[in-house]
Amino acid sequence: MFPQVKKRERADCLELTLQMYLDRVQLRLDKQACIKCDICSLVCPRQAVTIIPGETGLEIDIDPRRCVLCEVCAHFCPLGALTLTYNGQTKAILTEHQGLAPFLPKIQMDKSKCPEACPPLPEGELHWCRQQLQLVANSLEECPKHCHKCLEACPRQAIVLDETGLQTLPQPDLCLRCTQCLGVCRYESIEVNPQFSGEVIIDYRKCPPDCVKCMDLCPVKAIKREGERVFLKVERCSYCGVCRNICDEGAITLIRREVIAMPGKFSQAWVEALTKLVGND
């Protein structure tokens, strides 16, 4: 008898395991990191992943009878919520052998372009600010070079302060490539590489007046309501599909026009995944 994929589910994770005589292959879904986007369900070549809408939220399920532990879903997952291992080590055969195109780095910071605040003086002393051309209090919050705008703009807490509390640092694992930080950085010190280009269209005429599902679940807080009108409050989002998954009124259209990755020739698995992602809706 051939070994079968076994499913184990807990509150925080879902695991599919293929245990052979010596080797073990395991797909693990971190439910806390998963945002229930539609990307893994679309690219899965066996339609093993299902996103299940509920009254106020979304659930995800993986069918062990369909899953072949092929690695495609883990490669496309925008937050690394899906991981595939072979004997405890990351399984990346397709990626390492040009089966799947590598994605560009999520977020990078050139700290040499970020302004440095003036060094602190004894409490109560004033110092001459060369930017404001006046004496100012020795407070970091008042210093025009003490810039934490990207930290405040990030809806994912993917930018944090270092141990000193003075410098900002990116946390790529949490980043969804939404580019909201770029909109507030005037020093051009941040580079964000989107995973998709596309468009989200919201027909607010279909939105019930008391519905806030898409706003509550949007992982980058890109959707806003003003009166009857529901709209994207940012120029670009991450095009993850969560809003469309939860909308039961057919008010949201998501169009992905391009998957942005390293150029080159890749496997049929990559080609088929792109076909399912681009232009869908």
C-alpha atoms as a PDB file:
ATOM      1  CA  MET A   1       0.000   0.000   0.000  1.00  0.00           C
ATOM      2  CA  PHE A   2       1.275   3.458  -0.903  1.00  0.00           C
ATOM      3  CA  PRO A   3       1.705   5.940   1.964  1.00  0.00           C
ATOM      4  CA  GLN A   4      -1.058   8.537   2.236  1.00  0.00           C
ATOM      5  CA  VAL A   5      -0.996  12.202   3.153  1.00  0.00           C
ATOM      6  CA  LYS A   6      -2.328  12.584   6.698  1.00  0.00           C
ATOM      7  CA  LYS A   7      -4.019  15.739   7.942  1.00  0.00           C
ATOM      8  CA  ARG A   8      -3.715  17.152  11.447  1.00  0.00           C
ATOM      9  CA  GLU A   9      -5.389  20.389  12.498  1.00  0.00           C
ATOM     10  CA  ARG A  10      -5.062  22.504  15.619  1.00  0.00           C
ATOM     11  CA  ALA A  11      -6.259  25.967  16.548  1.00  0.00           C
ATOM     12  CA  ASP A  12      -3.028  27.598  15.376  1.00  0.00           C
ATOM     13  CA  CYS A  13      -1.972  25.399  12.470  1.00  0.00           C
ATOM     14  CA  LEU A  14      -2.891  22.807   9.886  1.00  0.00           C
ATOM     15  CA  GLU A  15      -0.402  20.114   8.874  1.00  0.00           C
ATOM     16  CA  LEU A  16      -0.387  17.666   5.972  1.00  0.00           C
ATOM     17  CA  THR A  17       2.254  14.956   6.342  1.00  0.00           C
ATOM     18  CA  LEU A  18       3.493  12.210   4.066  1.00  0.00           C
ATOM     19  CA  GLN A  19       5.478   9.735   6.163  1.00  0.00           C
ATOM     20  CA  MET A  20       7.505   7.232   4.131  1.00  0.00           C
ATOM     21  CA  TYR A  21       9.828   4.542   5.443  1.00  0.00           C
ATOM     22  CA  LEU A  22      12.718   6.938   6.044  1.00  0.00           C
ATOM     23  CA  ASP A  23      11.612  10.280   4.672  1.00  0.00           C
ATOM     24  CA  ARG A  24       8.985  12.741   5.754  1.00  0.00           C
ATOM     25  CA  VAL A  25       7.391  15.549   3.719  1.00  0.00           C
ATOM     26  CA  GLN A  26       5.195  18.061   5.505  1.00  0.00           C
ATOM     27  CA  LEU A  27       3.125  21.079   4.484  1.00  0.00           C
ATOM     28  CA  ARG A  28       2.358  23.387   7.394  1.00  0.00           C
ATOM     29  CA  LEU A  29      -0.126  26.258   7.434  1.00  0.00           C
ATOM     30  CA  ASP A  30       0.327  28.867  10.155  1.00  0.00           C
ATOM     31  CA  LYS A  31      -3.247  29.991  10.794  1.00  0.00           C
ATOM     32  CA  GLN A  32      -2.104  33.051  12.712  1.00  0.00           C
ATOM     33  CA  ALA A  33      -0.047  34.339   9.784  1.00  0.00           C
ATOM     34  CA  CYS A  34      -2.569  33.328   7.101  1.00  0.00           C
ATOM     35  CA  ILE A  35      -4.803  36.194   5.915  1.00  0.00           C
ATOM     36  CA  LYS A  36      -7.093  33.879   3.857  1.00  0.00           C
ATOM     37  CA  CYS A  37      -6.224  35.456   0.514  1.00  0.00           C
ATOM     38  CA  ASP A  38      -7.088  33.559  -2.651  1.00  0.00           C
ATOM     39  CA  ILE A  39      -3.561  33.145  -4.014  1.00  0.00           C
ATOM     40  CA  CYS A  40      -2.797  29.616  -2.791  1.00  0.00           C
ATOM     41  CA  SER A  41      -6.252  28.373  -3.780  1.00  0.00           C
ATOM     42  CA  LEU A  42      -5.783  29.714  -7.316  1.00  0.00           C
ATOM     43  CA  VAL A  43      -2.258  28.464  -7.975  1.00  0.00           C
ATOM     44  CA  CYS A  44      -2.739  24.979  -6.505  1.00  0.00           C
ATOM     45  CA  PRO A  45      -2.535  22.597  -9.487  1.00  0.00           C
ATOM     46  CA  ARG A  46      -4.820  20.097  -7.743  1.00  0.00           C
ATOM     47  CA  GLN A  47      -7.453  22.523  -6.361  1.00  0.00           C
ATOM     48  CA  ALA A  48      -6.651  21.249  -2.888  1.00  0.00           C
ATOM     49  CA  VAL A  49      -6.983  24.606  -1.111  1.00  0.00           C
ATOM     50  CA  THR A  50     -10.376  26.127  -0.338  1.00  0.00           C
ATOM     51  CA  ILE A  51     -11.236  29.516   1.153  1.00  0.00           C
ATOM     52  CA  ILE A  52     -14.528  29.330   3.046  1.00  0.00           C
ATOM     53  CA  PRO A  53     -16.475  32.576   3.652  1.00  0.00           C
ATOM     54  CA  GLY A  54     -18.329  32.958   6.932  1.00  0.00           C
ATOM     55  CA  GLU A  55     -20.638  35.564   8.408  1.00  0.00           C
ATOM     56  CA  THR A  56     -17.830  37.819   9.594  1.00  0.00           C
ATOM     57  CA  GLY A  57     -14.609  36.065   8.609  1.00  0.00           C
ATOM     58  CA  LEU A  58     -12.874  33.521   6.411  1.00  0.00           C
ATOM     59  CA  GLU A  59     -11.570  30.014   6.957  1.00  0.00           C
ATOM     60  CA  ILE A  60      -9.117  27.929   4.939  1.00  0.00           C
ATOM     61  CA  ASP A  61      -8.958  24.192   4.348  1.00  0.00           C
ATOM     62  CA  ILE A  62      -6.576  21.870   2.505  1.00  0.00           C
ATOM     63  CA  ASP A  63      -7.775  18.517   1.196  1.00  0.00           C
ATOM     64  CA  PRO A  64      -5.156  15.796   1.899  1.00  0.00           C
ATOM     65  CA  ARG A  65      -6.702  13.603  -0.810  1.00  0.00           C
ATOM     66  CA  ARG A  66      -5.841  16.196  -3.442  1.00  0.00           C
ATOM     67  CA  CYS A  67      -2.619  17.733  -2.131  1.00  0.00           C
ATOM     68  CA  VAL A  68       0.584  16.309  -3.671  1.00  0.00           C
ATOM     69  CA  LEU A  69       2.971  18.468  -1.572  1.00  0.00           C
ATOM     70  CA  CYS A  70       4.279  20.094  -4.727  1.00  0.00           C
ATOM     71  CA  GLU A  71       5.574  23.368  -3.200  1.00  0.00           C
ATOM     72  CA  VAL A  72       3.651  25.778  -5.470  1.00  0.00           C
ATOM     73  CA  CYS A  73       1.349  27.209  -2.771  1.00  0.00           C
ATOM     74  CA  ALA A  74       4.245  27.798  -0.352  1.00  0.00           C
ATOM     75  CA  HIS A  75       6.208  29.643  -3.029  1.00  0.00           C
ATOM     76  CA  PHE A  76       3.380  32.072  -3.819  1.00  0.00           C
ATOM     77  CA  CYS A  77       2.171  32.673  -0.239  1.00  0.00           C
ATOM     78  CA  PRO A  78       2.747  36.417   0.331  1.00  0.00           C
ATOM     79  CA  LEU A  79       3.373  36.030   4.063  1.00  0.00           C
ATOM     80  CA  GLY A  80       5.134  32.680   4.313  1.00  0.00           C
ATOM     81  CA  ALA A  81       2.156  31.196   6.155  1.00  0.00           C
ATOM     82  CA  LEU A  82       2.598  28.002   4.130  1.00  0.00           C
ATOM     83  CA  THR A  83       5.882  26.123   4.515  1.00  0.00           C
ATOM     84  CA  LEU A  84       6.925  22.820   2.989  1.00  0.00           C
ATOM     85  CA  THR A  85       9.680  20.721   4.506  1.00  0.00           C
ATOM     86  CA  TYR A  86      11.500  17.530   3.575  1.00  0.00           C
ATOM     87  CA  ASN A  87      12.961  15.755   6.593  1.00  0.00           C
ATOM     88  CA  GLY A  88      12.732  18.983   8.544  1.00  0.00           C
ATOM     89  CA  GLN A  89      14.499  21.105   5.909  1.00  0.00           C
ATOM     90  CA  THR A  90      12.792  23.623   3.640  1.00  0.00           C
ATOM     91  CA  LYS A  91      11.738  21.941   0.412  1.00  0.00           C
ATOM     92  CA  ALA A  92      12.466  24.309  -2.481  1.00  0.00           C
ATOM     93  CA  ILE A  93      13.275  21.935  -5.337  1.00  0.00           C
ATOM     94  CA  LEU A  94      11.204  23.834  -7.899  1.00  0.00           C
ATOM     95  CA  THR A  95      12.580  27.220  -6.882  1.00  0.00           C
ATOM     96  CA  GLU A  96      16.201  26.076  -6.769  1.00  0.00           C
ATOM     97  CA  HIS A  97      16.004  24.338 -10.160  1.00  0.00           C
ATOM     98  CA  GLN A  98      14.275  27.116 -12.113  1.00  0.00           C
ATOM     99  CA  GLY A  99      10.836  25.582 -11.808  1.00  0.00           C
ATOM    100  CA  LEU A 100       9.349  28.683 -10.152  1.00  0.00           C
ATOM    101  CA  ALA A 101      10.535  32.262 -10.595  1.00  0.00           C
ATOM    102  CA  PRO A 102      12.005  33.941  -7.505  1.00  0.00           C
ATOM    103  CA  PHE A 103      10.153  37.013  -6.284  1.00  0.00           C
ATOM    104  CA  LEU A 104      11.985  40.271  -5.714  1.00  0.00           C
ATOM    105  CA  PRO A 105      12.817  41.298  -2.111  1.00  0.00           C
ATOM    106  CA  LYS A 106       9.752  42.658  -0.353  1.00  0.00           C
ATOM    107  CA  ILE A 107      11.171  45.760   1.307  1.00  0.00           C
ATOM    108  CA  GLN A 108      14.624  47.279   1.640  1.00  0.00           C
ATOM    109  CA  MET A 109      15.837  50.401   3.434  1.00  0.00           C
ATOM    110  CA  ASP A 110      18.881  52.490   2.628  1.00  0.00           C
ATOM    111  CA  LYS A 111      19.546  53.932   6.068  1.00  0.00           C
ATOM    112  CA  SER A 112      22.238  56.225   4.670  1.00  0.00           C
ATOM    113  CA  LYS A 113      19.405  58.275   3.151  1.00  0.00           C
ATOM    114  CA  CYS A 114      17.461  58.543   6.399  1.00  0.00           C
ATOM    115  CA  PRO A 115      18.151  61.710   8.408  1.00  0.00           C
ATOM    116  CA  GLU A 116      19.788  61.346  11.803  1.00  0.00           C
ATOM    117  CA  ALA A 117      18.418  63.347  14.700  1.00  0.00           C
ATOM    118  CA  CYS A 118      20.752  65.689  16.545  1.00  0.00           C
ATOM    119  CA  PRO A 119      22.512  64.173  19.569  1.00  0.00           C
ATOM    120  CA  PRO A 120      20.701  64.761  22.877  1.00  0.00           C
ATOM    121  CA  LEU A 121      21.742  67.576  25.209  1.00  0.00           C
ATOM    122  CA  PRO A 122      21.190  67.808  28.967  1.00  0.00           C
ATOM    123  CA  GLU A 123      17.505  68.059  29.859  1.00  0.00           C
ATOM    124  CA  GLY A 124      16.090  71.564  29.676  1.00  0.00           C
ATOM    125  CA  GLU A 125      18.721  72.965  27.307  1.00  0.00           C
ATOM    126  CA  LEU A 126      17.903  74.454  23.934  1.00  0.00           C
ATOM    127  CA  HIS A 127      19.910  74.004  20.770  1.00  0.00           C
ATOM    128  CA  TRP A 128      20.109  75.755  17.456  1.00  0.00           C
ATOM    129  CA  CYS A 129      18.196  73.906  14.754  1.00  0.00           C
ATOM    130  CA  ARG A 130      19.745  74.472  11.334  1.00  0.00           C
ATOM    131  CA  GLN A 131      16.592  73.389   9.555  1.00  0.00           C
ATOM    132  CA  GLN A 132      14.208  75.635  11.485  1.00  0.00           C
ATOM    133  CA  LEU A 133      16.790  78.405  11.997  1.00  0.00           C
ATOM    134  CA  GLN A 134      15.794  78.905  15.606  1.00  0.00           C
ATOM    135  CA  LEU A 135      16.417  77.655  19.114  1.00  0.00           C
ATOM    136  CA  VAL A 136      14.335  74.566  19.847  1.00  0.00           C
ATOM    137  CA  ALA A 137      13.788  72.265  22.796  1.00  0.00           C
ATOM    138  CA  ASN A 138      16.053  69.221  22.979  1.00  0.00           C
ATOM    139  CA  SER A 139      13.244  66.787  22.142  1.00  0.00           C
ATOM    140  CA  LEU A 140      13.420  64.065  19.528  1.00  0.00           C
ATOM    141  CA  GLU A 141       9.712  64.479  18.872  1.00  0.00           C
ATOM    142  CA  GLU A 142      10.309  68.113  17.880  1.00  0.00           C
ATOM    143  CA  CYS A 143      13.363  67.434  15.750  1.00  0.00           C
ATOM    144  CA  PRO A 144      12.512  67.682  12.025  1.00  0.00           C
ATOM    145  CA  LYS A 145      15.151  65.047  11.300  1.00  0.00           C
ATOM    146  CA  HIS A 146      13.577  62.537  13.662  1.00  0.00           C
ATOM    147  CA  CYS A 147      11.515  60.862  10.937  1.00  0.00           C
ATOM    148  CA  HIS A 148       9.323  57.866  11.767  1.00  0.00           C
ATOM    149  CA  LYS A 149       6.647  58.481   9.156  1.00  0.00           C
ATOM    150  CA  CYS A 150       7.080  55.061   7.525  1.00  0.00           C
ATOM    151  CA  LEU A 151       6.598  53.392  10.910  1.00  0.00           C
ATOM    152  CA  GLU A 152       3.326  55.250  11.402  1.00  0.00           C
ATOM    153  CA  ALA A 153       2.100  54.624   7.849  1.00  0.00           C
ATOM    154  CA  CYS A 154       2.668  50.856   7.770  1.00  0.00           C
ATOM    155  CA  PRO A 155      -0.636  49.041   8.441  1.00  0.00           C
ATOM    156  CA  ARG A 156       1.120  45.721   9.076  1.00  0.00           C
ATOM    157  CA  GLN A 157       3.712  46.735  11.717  1.00  0.00           C
ATOM    158  CA  ALA A 158       6.270  45.577   9.149  1.00  0.00           C
ATOM    159  CA  ILE A 159       8.497  48.532  10.087  1.00  0.00           C
ATOM    160  CA  VAL A 160       9.728  48.666  13.682  1.00  0.00           C
ATOM    161  CA  LEU A 161      12.227  50.566  15.822  1.00  0.00           C
ATOM    162  CA  ASP A 162      15.636  49.128  16.579  1.00  0.00           C
ATOM    163  CA  GLU A 163      16.896  48.449  20.099  1.00  0.00           C
ATOM    164  CA  THR A 164      17.845  52.097  20.615  1.00  0.00           C
ATOM    165  CA  GLY A 165      14.371  53.294  19.641  1.00  0.00           C
ATOM    166  CA  LEU A 166      15.881  55.758  17.184  1.00  0.00           C
ATOM    167  CA  GLN A 167      16.160  53.962  13.847  1.00  0.00           C
ATOM    168  CA  THR A 168      13.459  52.215  11.826  1.00  0.00           C
ATOM    169  CA  LEU A 169      13.992  48.702  10.481  1.00  0.00           C
ATOM    170  CA  PRO A 170      11.911  46.595   8.062  1.00  0.00           C
ATOM    171  CA  GLN A 171      10.362  43.274   9.069  1.00  0.00           C
ATOM    172  CA  PRO A 172       9.968  41.592   5.643  1.00  0.00           C
ATOM    173  CA  ASP A 173       8.036  38.575   6.980  1.00  0.00           C
ATOM    174  CA  LEU A 174       5.102  40.847   7.871  1.00  0.00           C
ATOM    175  CA  CYS A 175       5.279  43.036   4.762  1.00  0.00           C
ATOM    176  CA  LEU A 176       2.533  42.639   2.128  1.00  0.00           C
ATOM    177  CA  ARG A 177       4.224  44.966  -0.399  1.00  0.00           C
ATOM    178  CA  CYS A 178       1.372  47.503  -0.264  1.00  0.00           C
ATOM    179  CA  THR A 179       3.763  50.505  -0.741  1.00  0.00           C
ATOM    180  CA  GLN A 180       2.000  52.773   1.779  1.00  0.00           C
ATOM    181  CA  CYS A 181       5.367  53.540   3.350  1.00  0.00           C
ATOM    182  CA  LEU A 182       6.614  54.890   0.017  1.00  0.00           C
ATOM    183  CA  GLY A 183       3.869  57.502   0.030  1.00  0.00           C
ATOM    184  CA  VAL A 184       5.213  59.175   3.173  1.00  0.00           C
ATOM    185  CA  CYS A 185       8.987  58.780   2.703  1.00  0.00           C
ATOM    186  CA  ARG A 186      10.445  61.965   1.254  1.00  0.00           C
ATOM    187  CA  TYR A 187      14.032  60.745   1.416  1.00  0.00           C
ATOM    188  CA  GLU A 188      13.653  57.873  -1.101  1.00  0.00           C
ATOM    189  CA  SER A 189      15.264  55.531   1.397  1.00  0.00           C
ATOM    190  CA  ILE A 190      12.672  52.739   1.025  1.00  0.00           C
ATOM    191  CA  GLU A 191      12.276  50.306  -1.853  1.00  0.00           C
ATOM    192  CA  VAL A 192       9.217  48.060  -2.059  1.00  0.00           C
ATOM    193  CA  ASN A 193       8.797  45.479  -4.805  1.00  0.00           C
ATOM    194  CA  PRO A 194       5.128  44.564  -5.384  1.00  0.00           C
ATOM    195  CA  GLN A 195       4.155  40.962  -6.078  1.00  0.00           C
ATOM    196  CA  PHE A 196       1.308  42.006  -8.366  1.00  0.00           C
ATOM    197  CA  SER A 197       0.106  44.942 -10.388  1.00  0.00           C
ATOM    198  CA  GLY A 198      -3.606  45.289 -10.862  1.00  0.00           C
ATOM    199  CA  GLU A 199      -6.800  47.018  -9.900  1.00  0.00           C
ATOM    200  CA  VAL A 200      -9.546  46.687  -7.308  1.00  0.00           C
ATOM    201  CA  ILE A 201     -12.948  48.033  -8.330  1.00  0.00           C
ATOM    202  CA  ILE A 202     -15.635  48.536  -5.674  1.00  0.00           C
ATOM    203  CA  ASP A 203     -19.222  49.047  -6.786  1.00  0.00           C
ATOM    204  CA  TYR A 204     -20.436  50.776  -3.621  1.00  0.00           C
ATOM    205  CA  ARG A 205     -24.004  50.776  -4.906  1.00  0.00           C
ATOM    206  CA  LYS A 206     -24.084  47.066  -4.052  1.00  0.00           C
ATOM    207  CA  CYS A 207     -22.711  47.595  -0.538  1.00  0.00           C
ATOM    208  CA  PRO A 208     -25.237  47.310   2.310  1.00  0.00           C
ATOM    209  CA  PRO A 209     -25.152  50.469   4.452  1.00  0.00           C
ATOM    210  CA  ASP A 210     -24.051  48.620   7.592  1.00  0.00           C
ATOM    211  CA  CYS A 211     -21.499  46.237   6.013  1.00  0.00           C
ATOM    212  CA  VAL A 212     -17.851  46.635   7.045  1.00  0.00           C
ATOM    213  CA  LYS A 213     -16.552  43.133   6.264  1.00  0.00           C
ATOM    214  CA  CYS A 214     -13.996  44.137   3.636  1.00  0.00           C
ATOM    215  CA  MET A 215     -12.769  47.053   5.750  1.00  0.00           C
ATOM    216  CA  ASP A 216     -12.332  44.880   8.830  1.00  0.00           C
ATOM    217  CA  LEU A 217     -10.504  42.067   7.017  1.00  0.00           C
ATOM    218  CA  CYS A 218      -8.310  44.064   4.611  1.00  0.00           C
ATOM    219  CA  PRO A 219      -4.788  43.253   5.864  1.00  0.00           C
ATOM    220  CA  VAL A 220      -3.400  46.616   4.717  1.00  0.00           C
ATOM    221  CA  LYS A 221      -6.417  48.709   5.803  1.00  0.00           C
ATOM    222  CA  ALA A 222      -6.836  50.082   2.298  1.00  0.00           C
ATOM    223  CA  ILE A 223     -10.647  50.275   2.191  1.00  0.00           C
ATOM    224  CA  LYS A 224     -12.652  53.160   3.608  1.00  0.00           C
ATOM    225  CA  ARG A 225     -16.289  54.214   3.842  1.00  0.00           C
ATOM    226  CA  GLU A 226     -17.583  57.776   3.690  1.00  0.00           C
ATOM    227  CA  GLY A 227     -21.342  57.748   3.934  1.00  0.00           C
ATOM    228  CA  GLU A 228     -22.660  55.403   1.262  1.00  0.00           C
ATOM    229  CA  ARG A 229     -19.409  55.426  -0.701  1.00  0.00           C
ATOM    230  CA  VAL A 230     -16.886  52.610  -0.171  1.00  0.00           C
ATOM    231  CA  PHE A 231     -13.521  53.014  -1.866  1.00  0.00           C
ATOM    232  CA  LEU A 232      -9.782  52.323  -1.798  1.00  0.00           C
ATOM    233  CA  LYS A 233      -8.104  55.079   0.177  1.00  0.00           C
ATOM    234  CA  VAL A 234      -4.678  54.297  -1.289  1.00  0.00           C
ATOM    235  CA  GLU A 235      -3.458  54.285  -4.861  1.00  0.00           C
ATOM    236  CA  ARG A 236      -2.251  50.691  -4.669  1.00  0.00           C
ATOM    237  CA  CYS A 237      -2.904  47.753  -2.384  1.00  0.00           C
ATOM    238  CA  SER A 238      -1.380  44.271  -2.216  1.00  0.00           C
ATOM    239  CA  TYR A 239      -4.076  42.708  -4.465  1.00  0.00           C
ATOM    240  CA  CYS A 240      -4.342  39.758  -2.090  1.00  0.00           C
ATOM    241  CA  GLY A 241      -8.048  39.068  -2.697  1.00  0.00           C
ATOM    242  CA  VAL A 242      -9.245  39.003   0.917  1.00  0.00           C
ATOM    243  CA  CYS A 243     -11.852  41.709   0.267  1.00  0.00           C
ATOM    244  CA  ARG A 244     -13.304  39.822  -2.657  1.00  0.00           C
ATOM    245  CA  ASN A 245     -13.369  36.574  -0.682  1.00  0.00           C
ATOM    246  CA  ILE A 246     -15.481  38.038   2.120  1.00  0.00           C
ATOM    247  CA  CYS A 247     -17.811  40.144  -0.034  1.00  0.00           C
ATOM    248  CA  ASP A 248     -21.105  38.295  -0.483  1.00  0.00           C
ATOM    249  CA  GLU A 249     -22.718  41.091  -2.487  1.00  0.00           C
ATOM    250  CA  GLY A 250     -20.529  40.837  -5.593  1.00  0.00           C
ATOM    251  CA  ALA A 251     -19.428  44.435  -5.064  1.00  0.00           C
ATOM    252  CA  ILE A 252     -15.677  43.887  -5.426  1.00  0.00           C
ATOM    253  CA  THR A 253     -13.787  43.101  -8.609  1.00  0.00           C
ATOM    254  CA  LEU A 254     -10.092  42.208  -8.415  1.00  0.00           C
ATOM    255  CA  ILE A 255      -8.001  42.219 -11.564  1.00  0.00           C
ATOM    256  CA  ARG A 256      -4.368  41.154 -11.352  1.00  0.00           C
ATOM    257  CA  ARG A 257      -2.619  42.298 -14.508  1.00  0.00           C
ATOM    258  CA  GLU A 258       0.899  41.067 -13.804  1.00  0.00           C
ATOM    259  CA  VAL A 259       2.839  38.821 -11.461  1.00  0.00           C
ATOM    260  CA  ILE A 260       6.115  40.594 -10.745  1.00  0.00           C
ATOM    261  CA  ALA A 261       9.082  38.253 -10.384  1.00  0.00           C
ATOM    262  CA  MET A 262      12.562  37.646 -11.736  1.00  0.00           C
ATOM    263  CA  PRO A 263      12.606  37.209 -15.521  1.00  0.00           C
ATOM    264  CA  GLY A 264      13.487  33.921 -17.202  1.00  0.00           C
ATOM    265  CA  LYS A 265      12.121  30.640 -18.487  1.00  0.00           C
ATOM    266  CA  PHE A 266      10.443  28.442 -15.898  1.00  0.00           C
ATOM    267  CA  SER A 267       8.408  25.271 -15.623  1.00  0.00           C
ATOM    268  CA  GLN A 268       4.881  24.583 -16.797  1.00  0.00           C
ATOM    269  CA  ALA A 269       3.787  24.774 -13.151  1.00  0.00           C
ATOM    270  CA  TRP A 270       4.844  28.437 -13.127  1.00  0.00           C
ATOM    271  CA  VAL A 271       3.096  29.149 -16.421  1.00  0.00           C
ATOM    272  CA  GLU A 272      -0.138  27.543 -15.243  1.00  0.00           C
ATOM    273  CA  ALA A 273      -0.039  29.460 -11.964  1.00  0.00           C
ATOM    274  CA  LEU A 274       0.350  32.764 -13.796  1.00  0.00           C
ATOM    275  CA  THR A 275      -2.562  31.911 -16.065  1.00  0.00           C
ATOM    276  CA  LYS A 276      -4.803  31.363 -13.051  1.00  0.00           C
ATOM    277  CA  LEU A 277      -3.695  34.540 -11.290  1.00  0.00           C
ATOM    278  CA  VAL A 278      -3.564  37.117 -14.051  1.00  0.00           C
ATOM    279  CA  GLY A 279      -6.789  38.661 -15.240  1.00  0.00           C
ATOM    280  CA  ASN A 280      -8.979  36.559 -12.965  1.00  0.00           C
ATOM    281  CA  ASP A 281     -12.443  37.731 -11.866  1.00  0.00           C
END
